[in-house]
Amino acid sequence: MIGKPKYNYDDKVEFDIDDKTVKGYVYIIDKYGIWEDNSDVYYDIMTFDETMLYKHIKEPNLRKLS
């Protein structure tokens, strides 16, 4: 929900992109959305294995890892 992120910094999460599942941790939280879409919370996710930052992942697209 906008302004109230479901995930916190360093939470381990996963999401699907281009027919693959990416696993990483929450690096940045845009709790009031982004310029293009301020309707939901967005996150930047740092991957575990690629050392890559995926930007602007919408909250409903994330799943928490245990």
C-alpha atoms as a PDB file:
ATOM      1  CA  MET A   1       0.000   0.000   0.000  1.00  0.00           C
ATOM      2  CA  ILE A   2       1.298   3.435  -0.928  1.00  0.00           C
ATOM      3  CA  GLY A   3       3.363   4.946   1.905  1.00  0.00           C
ATOM      4  CA  LYS A   4       3.370   1.679   3.891  1.00  0.00           C
ATOM      5  CA  PRO A   5       5.889  -0.759   2.385  1.00  0.00           C
ATOM      6  CA  LYS A   6       5.301  -4.463   2.935  1.00  0.00           C
ATOM      7  CA  TYR A   7       9.040  -5.208   2.755  1.00  0.00           C
ATOM      8  CA  ASN A   8      11.971  -3.660   4.618  1.00  0.00           C
ATOM      9  CA  TYR A   9      15.575  -2.934   3.697  1.00  0.00           C
ATOM     10  CA  ASP A  10      17.645  -6.140   3.373  1.00  0.00           C
ATOM     11  CA  ASP A  11      14.554  -8.385   3.208  1.00  0.00           C
ATOM     12  CA  LYS A  12      15.253 -11.361   0.949  1.00  0.00           C
ATOM     13  CA  VAL A  13      12.802 -11.462  -1.961  1.00  0.00           C
ATOM     14  CA  GLU A  14      12.295 -12.938  -5.405  1.00  0.00           C
ATOM     15  CA  PHE A  15      10.440 -11.901  -8.553  1.00  0.00           C
ATOM     16  CA  ASP A  16       9.995 -13.113 -12.118  1.00  0.00           C
ATOM     17  CA  ILE A  17      11.365 -11.290 -15.144  1.00  0.00           C
ATOM     18  CA  ASP A  18      11.964 -12.487 -18.703  1.00  0.00           C
ATOM     19  CA  ASP A  19      10.948 -16.085 -17.884  1.00  0.00           C
ATOM     20  CA  LYS A  20      13.390 -16.399 -14.992  1.00  0.00           C
ATOM     21  CA  THR A  21      13.197 -15.991 -11.231  1.00  0.00           C
ATOM     22  CA  VAL A  22      15.541 -13.418  -9.721  1.00  0.00           C
ATOM     23  CA  LYS A  23      16.516 -13.602  -6.042  1.00  0.00           C
ATOM     24  CA  GLY A  24      17.997 -10.769  -4.048  1.00  0.00           C
ATOM     25  CA  TYR A  25      17.396  -8.290  -1.264  1.00  0.00           C
ATOM     26  CA  VAL A  26      15.608  -4.950  -0.903  1.00  0.00           C
ATOM     27  CA  TYR A  27      18.158  -2.206  -1.526  1.00  0.00           C
ATOM     28  CA  ILE A  28      15.966   0.884  -2.012  1.00  0.00           C
ATOM     29  CA  ILE A  29      12.304   1.514  -1.151  1.00  0.00           C
ATOM     30  CA  ASP A  30      10.216   4.044  -3.081  1.00  0.00           C
ATOM     31  CA  LYS A  31       7.333   4.069  -0.635  1.00  0.00           C
ATOM     32  CA  TYR A  32       5.405   6.802  -2.453  1.00  0.00           C
ATOM     33  CA  GLY A  33       5.893   5.328  -5.922  1.00  0.00           C
ATOM     34  CA  ILE A  34       7.984   6.572  -8.815  1.00  0.00           C
ATOM     35  CA  TRP A  35       7.564   9.490 -11.264  1.00  0.00           C
ATOM     36  CA  GLU A  36       5.829   7.325 -13.847  1.00  0.00           C
ATOM     37  CA  ASP A  37       3.470   5.631 -11.382  1.00  0.00           C
ATOM     38  CA  ASN A  38       2.738   6.790  -7.861  1.00  0.00           C
ATOM     39  CA  SER A  39      -0.070   4.273  -7.275  1.00  0.00           C
ATOM     40  CA  ASP A  40       1.999   1.681  -5.387  1.00  0.00           C
ATOM     41  CA  VAL A  41       5.268   1.030  -3.559  1.00  0.00           C
ATOM     42  CA  TYR A  42       8.309   0.229  -5.729  1.00  0.00           C
ATOM     43  CA  TYR A  43      11.603  -1.382  -4.772  1.00  0.00           C
ATOM     44  CA  ASP A  44      15.116  -1.646  -6.148  1.00  0.00           C
ATOM     45  CA  ILE A  45      16.435  -5.180  -5.681  1.00  0.00           C
ATOM     46  CA  MET A  46      20.128  -6.117  -5.503  1.00  0.00           C
ATOM     47  CA  THR A  47      20.672  -9.679  -6.704  1.00  0.00           C
ATOM     48  CA  PHE A  48      22.674 -12.299  -4.853  1.00  0.00           C
ATOM     49  CA  ASP A  49      24.422 -13.916  -7.806  1.00  0.00           C
ATOM     50  CA  GLU A  50      24.684 -11.264 -10.544  1.00  0.00           C
ATOM     51  CA  THR A  51      25.629  -8.232  -8.441  1.00  0.00           C
ATOM     52  CA  MET A  52      23.008  -6.376 -10.408  1.00  0.00           C
ATOM     53  CA  LEU A  53      20.438  -3.811  -9.280  1.00  0.00           C
ATOM     54  CA  TYR A  54      16.922  -4.232 -10.684  1.00  0.00           C
ATOM     55  CA  LYS A  55      15.084  -0.917 -10.400  1.00  0.00           C
ATOM     56  CA  HIS A  56      11.404  -0.111  -9.974  1.00  0.00           C
ATOM     57  CA  ILE A  57       9.946  -3.506  -9.131  1.00  0.00           C
ATOM     58  CA  LYS A  58       6.314  -3.044  -8.101  1.00  0.00           C
ATOM     59  CA  GLU A  59       5.396  -4.473  -4.677  1.00  0.00           C
ATOM     60  CA  PRO A  60       2.802  -7.020  -5.910  1.00  0.00           C
ATOM     61  CA  ASN A  61       5.501  -8.606  -8.097  1.00  0.00           C
ATOM     62  CA  LEU A  62       7.702  -9.511  -5.103  1.00  0.00           C
ATOM     63  CA  ARG A  63       7.612 -12.642  -2.967  1.00  0.00           C
ATOM     64  CA  LYS A  64       9.415 -12.925   0.370  1.00  0.00           C
ATOM     65  CA  LEU A  65      12.048 -15.648   0.709  1.00  0.00           C
ATOM     66  CA  SER A  66      12.243 -17.597   3.955  1.00  0.00           C
END
